[in-house]
């Protein structure tokens, strides 16, 4: 997988997350896939499979992407989550976007802290200010 393709997938995920944060103030986990020709698609999921009790949305997305990767339908995936967590080095909760970027021989978890700023007196507008992303190589869990 070419790094420029993975970068395009990451940028699409961050762009969508930022737009949703500015519009709604938060977002549910969103899923993107890259098909073999390089086309990036946001995936709407209506998952009718039986899932084990307590399984969360991200776990279900990982399982779905694993099936699609095994069938050769996708070449990469990104699961994007809005989270508030304590980033190491501080105990103050920090708002962050988490991007789980997966491809053959690549598995990165990227955390992008952000600040929500507001502008306007009459019509309030949210503006997301992204901080420096932090990435961590993780175990390959989709393209096995």
C-alpha atoms as a PDB file:
ATOM      1  CA  UNK A   1       0.000   0.000   0.000  1.00  0.00           C
ATOM      2  CA  UNK A   2       1.474   3.325  -1.017  1.00  0.00           C
ATOM      3  CA  UNK A   3       1.866   5.852   1.778  1.00  0.00           C
ATOM      4  CA  UNK A   4       0.176   8.557  -0.324  1.00  0.00           C
ATOM      5  CA  UNK A   5      -2.988   6.427  -0.464  1.00  0.00           C
ATOM      6  CA  UNK A   6      -2.963   5.907   3.293  1.00  0.00           C
ATOM      7  CA  UNK A   7      -2.390   9.626   3.757  1.00  0.00           C
ATOM      8  CA  UNK A   8      -5.427  10.386   1.552  1.00  0.00           C
ATOM      9  CA  UNK A   9      -7.554   8.012   3.641  1.00  0.00           C
ATOM     10  CA  UNK A  10      -6.324   9.618   6.873  1.00  0.00           C
ATOM     11  CA  UNK A  11      -7.003  13.128   5.526  1.00  0.00           C
ATOM     12  CA  UNK A  12     -10.529  12.152   4.419  1.00  0.00           C
ATOM     13  CA  UNK A  13     -11.229  10.754   7.895  1.00  0.00           C
ATOM     14  CA  UNK A  14      -9.923  13.869   9.695  1.00  0.00           C
ATOM     15  CA  UNK A  15     -11.777  16.197   7.315  1.00  0.00           C
ATOM     16  CA  UNK A  16     -15.083  14.396   7.916  1.00  0.00           C
ATOM     17  CA  UNK A  17     -14.551  14.297  11.687  1.00  0.00           C
ATOM     18  CA  UNK A  18     -13.728  18.010  11.801  1.00  0.00           C
ATOM     19  CA  UNK A  19     -16.791  18.906   9.716  1.00  0.00           C
ATOM     20  CA  UNK A  20     -19.064  16.852  11.994  1.00  0.00           C
ATOM     21  CA  UNK A  21     -17.550  18.391  15.125  1.00  0.00           C
ATOM     22  CA  UNK A  22     -18.038  21.908  13.764  1.00  0.00           C
ATOM     23  CA  UNK A  23     -21.617  21.175  12.762  1.00  0.00           C
ATOM     24  CA  UNK A  24     -22.821  19.024  15.680  1.00  0.00           C
ATOM     25  CA  UNK A  25     -20.231  19.336  18.444  1.00  0.00           C
ATOM     26  CA  UNK A  26     -19.639  15.556  18.445  1.00  0.00           C
ATOM     27  CA  UNK A  27     -20.061  12.496  16.227  1.00  0.00           C
ATOM     28  CA  UNK A  28     -20.661   8.768  16.405  1.00  0.00           C
ATOM     29  CA  UNK A  29     -17.886   6.461  15.146  1.00  0.00           C
ATOM     30  CA  UNK A  30     -17.564   6.636  11.367  1.00  0.00           C
ATOM     31  CA  UNK A  31     -16.078   4.106   9.006  1.00  0.00           C
ATOM     32  CA  UNK A  32     -14.136   4.628   5.794  1.00  0.00           C
ATOM     33  CA  UNK A  33     -12.806   2.056   3.381  1.00  0.00           C
ATOM     34  CA  UNK A  34     -10.421   2.299   0.469  1.00  0.00           C
ATOM     35  CA  UNK A  35     -11.180  -0.005  -2.395  1.00  0.00           C
ATOM     36  CA  UNK A  36      -8.321  -1.531  -4.436  1.00  0.00           C
ATOM     37  CA  UNK A  37      -8.414   1.143  -7.187  1.00  0.00           C
ATOM     38  CA  UNK A  38      -7.922   3.818  -4.476  1.00  0.00           C
ATOM     39  CA  UNK A  39     -11.515   5.021  -4.141  1.00  0.00           C
ATOM     40  CA  UNK A  40     -12.374   6.203  -0.616  1.00  0.00           C
ATOM     41  CA  UNK A  41     -15.906   5.583   0.612  1.00  0.00           C
ATOM     42  CA  UNK A  42     -17.654   6.450   3.851  1.00  0.00           C
ATOM     43  CA  UNK A  43     -19.503   3.296   4.823  1.00  0.00           C
ATOM     44  CA  UNK A  44     -23.013   3.336   6.252  1.00  0.00           C
ATOM     45  CA  UNK A  45     -23.502   0.180   8.283  1.00  0.00           C
ATOM     46  CA  UNK A  46     -26.754  -1.579   9.031  1.00  0.00           C
ATOM     47  CA  UNK A  47     -25.349  -4.635  10.739  1.00  0.00           C
ATOM     48  CA  UNK A  48     -28.012  -7.308  11.190  1.00  0.00           C
ATOM     49  CA  UNK A  49     -25.568  -9.963  12.404  1.00  0.00           C
ATOM     50  CA  UNK A  50     -25.849 -11.361  15.894  1.00  0.00           C
ATOM     51  CA  UNK A  51     -23.241  -9.704  18.060  1.00  0.00           C
ATOM     52  CA  UNK A  52     -22.092 -10.722  21.462  1.00  0.00           C
ATOM     53  CA  UNK A  53     -23.500  -8.712  24.351  1.00  0.00           C
ATOM     54  CA  UNK A  54     -21.265  -5.801  25.276  1.00  0.00           C
ATOM     55  CA  UNK A  55     -19.580  -5.611  21.878  1.00  0.00           C
ATOM     56  CA  UNK A  56     -19.135  -2.002  20.931  1.00  0.00           C
ATOM     57  CA  UNK A  57     -19.478  -0.287  17.580  1.00  0.00           C
ATOM     58  CA  UNK A  58     -15.732  -0.148  16.950  1.00  0.00           C
ATOM     59  CA  UNK A  59     -15.331  -3.889  17.579  1.00  0.00           C
ATOM     60  CA  UNK A  60     -18.188  -4.553  15.154  1.00  0.00           C
ATOM     61  CA  UNK A  61     -16.580  -2.263  12.539  1.00  0.00           C
ATOM     62  CA  UNK A  62     -13.244  -4.101  12.923  1.00  0.00           C
ATOM     63  CA  UNK A  63     -14.947  -7.452  12.384  1.00  0.00           C
ATOM     64  CA  UNK A  64     -16.816  -6.139   9.338  1.00  0.00           C
ATOM     65  CA  UNK A  65     -13.624  -4.687   7.820  1.00  0.00           C
ATOM     66  CA  UNK A  66     -11.756  -7.945   8.513  1.00  0.00           C
ATOM     67  CA  UNK A  67     -14.378  -9.830   6.477  1.00  0.00           C
ATOM     68  CA  UNK A  68     -14.187  -7.307   3.623  1.00  0.00           C
ATOM     69  CA  UNK A  69     -10.363  -7.391   3.649  1.00  0.00           C
ATOM     70  CA  UNK A  70     -10.332 -11.212   3.542  1.00  0.00           C
ATOM     71  CA  UNK A  71     -12.675 -11.100   0.534  1.00  0.00           C
ATOM     72  CA  UNK A  72     -10.329  -8.661  -1.261  1.00  0.00           C
ATOM     73  CA  UNK A  73     -12.994  -5.951  -1.343  1.00  0.00           C
ATOM     74  CA  UNK A  74     -10.875  -3.287   0.400  1.00  0.00           C
ATOM     75  CA  UNK A  75      -7.217  -2.307   0.532  1.00  0.00           C
ATOM     76  CA  UNK A  76      -7.408  -0.102   3.659  1.00  0.00           C
ATOM     77  CA  UNK A  77      -9.828   1.090   6.321  1.00  0.00           C
ATOM     78  CA  UNK A  78     -10.163   3.887   8.851  1.00  0.00           C
ATOM     79  CA  UNK A  79     -12.414   3.959  11.896  1.00  0.00           C
ATOM     80  CA  UNK A  80     -12.807   7.448  13.336  1.00  0.00           C
ATOM     81  CA  UNK A  81     -13.964   8.058  16.911  1.00  0.00           C
ATOM     82  CA  UNK A  82     -14.571  11.266  18.866  1.00  0.00           C
ATOM     83  CA  UNK A  83     -13.161  10.695  22.309  1.00  0.00           C
ATOM     84  CA  UNK A  84     -12.325  12.599  25.436  1.00  0.00           C
ATOM     85  CA  UNK A  85      -9.395  11.003  27.184  1.00  0.00           C
ATOM     86  CA  UNK A  86      -6.520  11.800  29.450  1.00  0.00           C
ATOM     87  CA  UNK A  87      -3.547  12.093  27.112  1.00  0.00           C
ATOM     88  CA  UNK A  88      -0.380  10.785  28.754  1.00  0.00           C
ATOM     89  CA  UNK A  89       1.494  13.487  30.551  1.00  0.00           C
ATOM     90  CA  UNK A  90      -1.560  15.119  32.060  1.00  0.00           C
ATOM     91  CA  UNK A  91      -4.619  14.288  34.068  1.00  0.00           C
ATOM     92  CA  UNK A  92      -6.869  16.862  32.420  1.00  0.00           C
ATOM     93  CA  UNK A  93      -9.319  15.281  29.985  1.00  0.00           C
ATOM     94  CA  UNK A  94      -8.502  16.287  26.425  1.00  0.00           C
ATOM     95  CA  UNK A  95     -10.880  16.101  23.493  1.00  0.00           C
ATOM     96  CA  UNK A  96      -9.359  14.098  20.650  1.00  0.00           C
ATOM     97  CA  UNK A  97     -10.144  12.417  17.367  1.00  0.00           C
ATOM     98  CA  UNK A  98      -8.947   8.824  17.155  1.00  0.00           C
ATOM     99  CA  UNK A  99      -8.238   7.345  13.714  1.00  0.00           C
ATOM    100  CA  UNK A 100      -7.651   3.595  13.491  1.00  0.00           C
ATOM    101  CA  UNK A 101      -5.857   3.328  10.138  1.00  0.00           C
ATOM    102  CA  UNK A 102      -5.424  -0.199   8.783  1.00  0.00           C
ATOM    103  CA  UNK A 103      -3.949  -1.672   5.585  1.00  0.00           C
ATOM    104  CA  UNK A 104      -1.937  -4.717   4.590  1.00  0.00           C
ATOM    105  CA  UNK A 105       1.230  -4.611   6.729  1.00  0.00           C
ATOM    106  CA  UNK A 106       0.142  -1.283   8.304  1.00  0.00           C
ATOM    107  CA  UNK A 107      -1.736  -0.710  11.545  1.00  0.00           C
ATOM    108  CA  UNK A 108      -1.649   2.711  13.182  1.00  0.00           C
ATOM    109  CA  UNK A 109      -3.724   4.345  15.867  1.00  0.00           C
ATOM    110  CA  UNK A 110      -3.536   8.107  15.412  1.00  0.00           C
ATOM    111  CA  UNK A 111      -4.772  10.491  18.092  1.00  0.00           C
ATOM    112  CA  UNK A 112      -5.376  14.125  17.185  1.00  0.00           C
ATOM    113  CA  UNK A 113      -6.173  16.363  20.168  1.00  0.00           C
ATOM    114  CA  UNK A 114      -8.449  19.283  19.380  1.00  0.00           C
ATOM    115  CA  UNK A 115      -9.934  22.390  20.944  1.00  0.00           C
ATOM    116  CA  UNK A 116     -13.428  23.560  20.198  1.00  0.00           C
ATOM    117  CA  UNK A 117     -13.517  27.313  19.776  1.00  0.00           C
ATOM    118  CA  UNK A 118     -16.578  29.469  19.249  1.00  0.00           C
ATOM    119  CA  UNK A 119     -17.008  32.644  17.268  1.00  0.00           C
ATOM    120  CA  UNK A 120     -19.835  35.029  16.529  1.00  0.00           C
ATOM    121  CA  UNK A 121     -22.097  37.034  18.785  1.00  0.00           C
ATOM    122  CA  UNK A 122     -25.506  36.422  17.236  1.00  0.00           C
ATOM    123  CA  UNK A 123     -24.895  33.283  15.239  1.00  0.00           C
ATOM    124  CA  UNK A 124     -22.553  31.080  17.248  1.00  0.00           C
ATOM    125  CA  UNK A 125     -20.168  29.022  15.150  1.00  0.00           C
ATOM    126  CA  UNK A 126     -17.943  26.144  16.264  1.00  0.00           C
ATOM    127  CA  UNK A 127     -14.383  26.063  14.980  1.00  0.00           C
ATOM    128  CA  UNK A 128     -12.207  23.005  15.562  1.00  0.00           C
ATOM    129  CA  UNK A 129      -8.516  23.697  16.141  1.00  0.00           C
ATOM    130  CA  UNK A 130      -6.471  20.519  15.631  1.00  0.00           C
ATOM    131  CA  UNK A 131      -3.303  19.920  17.614  1.00  0.00           C
ATOM    132  CA  UNK A 132      -0.290  17.792  16.674  1.00  0.00           C
ATOM    133  CA  UNK A 133      -1.247  14.193  15.802  1.00  0.00           C
ATOM    134  CA  UNK A 134       0.372  11.333  17.683  1.00  0.00           C
ATOM    135  CA  UNK A 135       0.631   7.919  16.065  1.00  0.00           C
ATOM    136  CA  UNK A 136       1.349   4.512  17.488  1.00  0.00           C
ATOM    137  CA  UNK A 137       1.982   1.289  15.603  1.00  0.00           C
ATOM    138  CA  UNK A 138      -0.372  -1.423  16.822  1.00  0.00           C
ATOM    139  CA  UNK A 139      -0.997  -5.090  16.164  1.00  0.00           C
ATOM    140  CA  UNK A 140      -2.458  -5.849  12.750  1.00  0.00           C
ATOM    141  CA  UNK A 141      -6.104  -6.714  13.369  1.00  0.00           C
ATOM    142  CA  UNK A 142      -7.916  -6.231  10.061  1.00  0.00           C
ATOM    143  CA  UNK A 143      -5.657  -7.373   7.199  1.00  0.00           C
ATOM    144  CA  UNK A 144      -4.505 -10.714   8.554  1.00  0.00           C
END
